[in-house]
PDB file of N, CA and C in Angstrom:
ATOM      1  N   UNK A   1    -116.257 -85.815  86.423  1.00  0.00           N
ATOM      2  CA  UNK A   1    -115.533 -86.105  88.176  1.00  0.00           C
ATOM      3  C   UNK A   1    -114.483 -84.584  87.743  1.00  0.00           C
ATOM      4  N   UNK A   2    -114.401 -84.693  88.791  1.00  0.00           N
ATOM      5  CA  UNK A   2    -113.761 -82.814  89.329  1.00  0.00           C
ATOM      6  C   UNK A   2    -112.697 -82.967  90.411  1.00  0.00           C
ATOM      7  N   UNK A   3    -111.700 -82.534  89.538  1.00  0.00           N
ATOM      8  CA  UNK A   3    -110.390 -82.354  90.312  1.00  0.00           C
ATOM      9  C   UNK A   3    -109.813 -80.955  90.643  1.00  0.00           C
ATOM     10  N   UNK A   4    -109.332 -81.078  91.655  1.00  0.00           N
ATOM     11  CA  UNK A   4    -108.434 -79.375  91.783  1.00  0.00           C
ATOM     12  C   UNK A   4    -106.848 -79.917  92.499  1.00  0.00           C
ATOM     13  N   UNK A   5    -105.820 -79.175  91.756  1.00  0.00           N
ATOM     14  CA  UNK A   5    -105.313 -79.198  91.412  1.00  0.00           C
ATOM     15  C   UNK A   5    -104.497 -78.152  92.145  1.00  0.00           C
ATOM     16  N   UNK A   6    -102.871 -78.351  93.451  1.00  0.00           N
ATOM     17  CA  UNK A   6    -102.976 -76.690  93.543  1.00  0.00           C
ATOM     18  C   UNK A   6    -101.404 -77.416  93.480  1.00  0.00           C
ATOM     19  N   UNK A   7    -100.647 -76.538  93.324  1.00  0.00           N
ATOM     20  CA  UNK A   7     -99.052 -76.707  93.095  1.00  0.00           C
ATOM     21  C   UNK A   7     -98.238 -75.611  93.134  1.00  0.00           C
ATOM     22  N   UNK A   8     -96.834 -75.605  93.383  1.00  0.00           N
ATOM     23  CA  UNK A   8     -96.165 -73.426  93.251  1.00  0.00           C
ATOM     24  C   UNK A   8     -95.151 -73.927  92.499  1.00  0.00           C
ATOM     25  N   UNK A   9     -95.335 -75.551  91.987  1.00  0.00           N
ATOM     26  CA  UNK A   9     -94.144 -75.882  90.883  1.00  0.00           C
ATOM     27  C   UNK A   9     -95.442 -76.076  89.566  1.00  0.00           C
ATOM     28  N   UNK A  10     -95.598 -75.000  89.067  1.00  0.00           N
ATOM     29  CA  UNK A  10     -96.206 -75.328  87.539  1.00  0.00           C
ATOM     30  C   UNK A  10     -95.993 -74.185  86.278  1.00  0.00           C
ATOM     31  N   UNK A  11     -95.532 -74.126  85.182  1.00  0.00           N
ATOM     32  CA  UNK A  11     -94.856 -73.063  84.536  1.00  0.00           C
ATOM     33  C   UNK A  11     -95.556 -71.921  84.906  1.00  0.00           C
ATOM     34  N   UNK A  12     -95.138 -70.794  84.579  1.00  0.00           N
ATOM     35  CA  UNK A  12     -95.685 -69.171  84.321  1.00  0.00           C
ATOM     36  C   UNK A  12     -94.985 -68.824  83.493  1.00  0.00           C
ATOM     37  N   UNK A  13     -95.271 -67.401  82.737  1.00  0.00           N
ATOM     38  CA  UNK A  13     -94.504 -66.867  82.059  1.00  0.00           C
ATOM     39  C   UNK A  13     -93.538 -66.262  82.669  1.00  0.00           C
ATOM     40  N   UNK A  14     -93.545 -65.906  83.486  1.00  0.00           N
ATOM     41  CA  UNK A  14     -91.565 -65.526  83.559  1.00  0.00           C
ATOM     42  C   UNK A  14     -90.715 -67.252  84.162  1.00  0.00           C
ATOM     43  N   UNK A  15     -91.326 -68.165  84.448  1.00  0.00           N
ATOM     44  CA  UNK A  15     -90.251 -69.478  84.387  1.00  0.00           C
ATOM     45  C   UNK A  15     -90.852 -70.448  83.255  1.00  0.00           C
ATOM     46  N   UNK A  16     -90.687 -70.389  82.118  1.00  0.00           N
ATOM     47  CA  UNK A  16     -92.070 -71.251  81.037  1.00  0.00           C
ATOM     48  C   UNK A  16     -91.475 -73.137  81.515  1.00  0.00           C
ATOM     49  N   UNK A  17     -90.314 -73.217  81.821  1.00  0.00           N
ATOM     50  CA  UNK A  17     -90.195 -74.585  82.040  1.00  0.00           C
ATOM     51  C   UNK A  17     -90.296 -74.731  83.729  1.00  0.00           C
ATOM     52  N   UNK A  18     -90.417 -74.099  84.207  1.00  0.00           N
ATOM     53  CA  UNK A  18     -90.791 -74.658  85.282  1.00  0.00           C
ATOM     54  C   UNK A  18     -91.877 -75.878  85.824  1.00  0.00           C
ATOM     55  N   UNK A  19     -91.719 -76.541  86.438  1.00  0.00           N
ATOM     56  CA  UNK A  19     -92.482 -77.540  87.206  1.00  0.00           C
ATOM     57  C   UNK A  19     -93.580 -78.403  85.582  1.00  0.00           C
ATOM     58  N   UNK A  20     -92.206 -78.787  84.341  1.00  0.00           N
ATOM     59  CA  UNK A  20     -93.506 -79.005  83.140  1.00  0.00           C
ATOM     60  C   UNK A  20     -93.628 -80.604  83.669  1.00  0.00           C
ATOM     61  N   UNK A  21     -92.973 -81.524  84.920  1.00  0.00           N
ATOM     62  CA  UNK A  21     -93.322 -82.488  84.721  1.00  0.00           C
ATOM     63  C   UNK A  21     -95.253 -82.325  85.542  1.00  0.00           C
ATOM     64  N   UNK A  22     -95.304 -81.428  86.746  1.00  0.00           N
ATOM     65  CA  UNK A  22     -96.691 -81.715  87.015  1.00  0.00           C
ATOM     66  C   UNK A  22     -97.671 -80.971  85.604  1.00  0.00           C
ATOM     67  N   UNK A  23     -97.124 -80.072  85.371  1.00  0.00           N
ATOM     68  CA  UNK A  23     -98.175 -79.648  83.807  1.00  0.00           C
ATOM     69  C   UNK A  23     -98.155 -80.988  82.950  1.00  0.00           C
ATOM     70  N   UNK A  24     -96.896 -81.989  82.844  1.00  0.00           N
ATOM     71  CA  UNK A  24     -97.728 -83.271  81.934  1.00  0.00           C
ATOM     72  C   UNK A  24     -98.441 -84.163  82.321  1.00  0.00           C
ATOM     73  N   UNK A  25     -98.080 -84.478  83.854  1.00  0.00           N
ATOM     74  CA  UNK A  25     -98.914 -84.857  84.394  1.00  0.00           C
ATOM     75  C   UNK A  25    -100.238 -84.529  84.900  1.00  0.00           C
ATOM     76  N   UNK A  26    -101.262 -83.660  84.912  1.00  0.00           N
ATOM     77  CA  UNK A  26    -101.916 -82.540  84.109  1.00  0.00           C
ATOM     78  C   UNK A  26    -102.198 -82.218  83.388  1.00  0.00           C
ATOM     79  N   UNK A  27    -102.221 -82.960  82.021  1.00  0.00           N
ATOM     80  CA  UNK A  27    -102.770 -83.145  80.560  1.00  0.00           C
ATOM     81  C   UNK A  27    -102.767 -84.866  80.501  1.00  0.00           C
ATOM     82  N   UNK A  28    -102.173 -85.338  81.338  1.00  0.00           N
ATOM     83  CA  UNK A  28    -102.075 -87.059  81.483  1.00  0.00           C
ATOM     84  C   UNK A  28    -103.779 -87.090  81.890  1.00  0.00           C
ATOM     85  N   UNK A  29    -104.405 -86.026  83.612  1.00  0.00           N
ATOM     86  CA  UNK A  29    -105.331 -86.151  83.954  1.00  0.00           C
ATOM     87  C   UNK A  29    -107.135 -86.043  82.870  1.00  0.00           C
ATOM     88  N   UNK A  30    -106.539 -85.175  82.079  1.00  0.00           N
ATOM     89  CA  UNK A  30    -107.739 -84.255  81.112  1.00  0.00           C
ATOM     90  C   UNK A  30    -107.736 -85.330  80.014  1.00  0.00           C
ATOM     91  N   UNK A  31    -107.025 -86.255  79.786  1.00  0.00           N
ATOM     92  CA  UNK A  31    -107.083 -87.336  78.762  1.00  0.00           C
ATOM     93  C   UNK A  31    -107.921 -88.484  79.167  1.00  0.00           C
ATOM     94  N   UNK A  32    -108.375 -88.402  80.915  1.00  0.00           N
ATOM     95  CA  UNK A  32    -109.425 -88.977  80.967  1.00  0.00           C
ATOM     96  C   UNK A  32    -110.696 -88.591  80.898  1.00  0.00           C
ATOM     97  N   UNK A  33    -111.291 -89.448  79.905  1.00  0.00           N
ATOM     98  CA  UNK A  33    -112.505 -88.626  79.730  1.00  0.00           C
ATOM     99  C   UNK A  33    -113.480 -88.372  80.919  1.00  0.00           C
ATOM    100  N   UNK A  34    -114.820 -86.643  80.714  1.00  0.00           N
ATOM    101  CA  UNK A  34    -114.874 -86.981  81.910  1.00  0.00           C
ATOM    102  C   UNK A  34    -114.695 -86.445  82.854  1.00  0.00           C
ATOM    103  N   UNK A  35    -112.851 -85.847  82.997  1.00  0.00           N
ATOM    104  CA  UNK A  35    -112.577 -85.033  84.003  1.00  0.00           C
ATOM    105  C   UNK A  35    -113.030 -83.234  83.771  1.00  0.00           C
ATOM    106  N   UNK A  36    -112.677 -82.910  85.043  1.00  0.00           N
ATOM    107  CA  UNK A  36    -113.233 -81.263  85.066  1.00  0.00           C
ATOM    108  C   UNK A  36    -111.899 -81.194  85.454  1.00  0.00           C
ATOM    109  N   UNK A  37    -110.769 -80.454  84.759  1.00  0.00           N
ATOM    110  CA  UNK A  37    -109.914 -79.950  85.677  1.00  0.00           C
ATOM    111  C   UNK A  37    -109.770 -78.812  86.407  1.00  0.00           C
ATOM    112  N   UNK A  38    -109.165 -78.156  87.542  1.00  0.00           N
ATOM    113  CA  UNK A  38    -109.115 -77.341  87.877  1.00  0.00           C
ATOM    114  C   UNK A  38    -107.895 -76.976  88.367  1.00  0.00           C
ATOM    115  N   UNK A  39    -106.435 -76.158  88.670  1.00  0.00           N
ATOM    116  CA  UNK A  39    -105.635 -76.149  88.599  1.00  0.00           C
ATOM    117  C   UNK A  39    -105.078 -74.347  89.014  1.00  0.00           C
ATOM    118  N   UNK A  40    -104.629 -74.628  90.574  1.00  0.00           N
ATOM    119  CA  UNK A  40    -104.252 -73.867  91.043  1.00  0.00           C
ATOM    120  C   UNK A  40    -102.903 -73.185  91.396  1.00  0.00           C
ATOM    121  N   UNK A  41    -102.399 -72.684  90.781  1.00  0.00           N
ATOM    122  CA  UNK A  41    -100.947 -72.100  91.061  1.00  0.00           C
ATOM    123  C   UNK A  41    -100.148 -71.015  91.998  1.00  0.00           C
ATOM    124  N   UNK A  42    -100.634 -70.617  93.098  1.00  0.00           N
ATOM    125  CA  UNK A  42     -99.702 -69.626  93.768  1.00  0.00           C
ATOM    126  C   UNK A  42     -98.553 -69.944  93.239  1.00  0.00           C
ATOM    127  N   UNK A  43     -98.496 -68.041  92.838  1.00  0.00           N
ATOM    128  CA  UNK A  43     -96.798 -67.237  92.909  1.00  0.00           C
ATOM    129  C   UNK A  43     -96.586 -66.212  93.916  1.00  0.00           C
ATOM    130  N   UNK A  44     -95.791 -67.634  95.208  1.00  0.00           N
ATOM    131  CA  UNK A  44     -95.092 -66.264  96.504  1.00  0.00           C
ATOM    132  C   UNK A  44     -94.500 -65.244  95.923  1.00  0.00           C
ATOM    133  N   UNK A  45     -94.720 -64.150  97.038  1.00  0.00           N
ATOM    134  CA  UNK A  45     -94.173 -63.193  97.029  1.00  0.00           C
ATOM    135  C   UNK A  45     -93.145 -63.489  98.507  1.00  0.00           C
ATOM    136  N   UNK A  46     -91.806 -63.150  97.978  1.00  0.00           N
ATOM    137  CA  UNK A  46     -90.546 -63.199  98.722  1.00  0.00           C
ATOM    138  C   UNK A  46     -91.311 -61.714  99.962  1.00  0.00           C
ATOM    139  N   UNK A  47     -90.742 -62.550 101.875  1.00  0.00           N
ATOM    140  CA  UNK A  47     -91.159 -61.462 102.265  1.00  0.00           C
ATOM    141  C   UNK A  47     -89.775 -60.043 102.109  1.00  0.00           C
TER     142      UNK A  47
END
């Protein structure tokens, strides 16, 4: 099964603890056999 996760709440180098709950959920999804996970975490630039 292919899973796509799009979330602006995800840890990144400038905020390593930001959105850890999303990271933990996606790690749990990858524990399921036959799961191909792609994560997109766009970083917005304020106007």
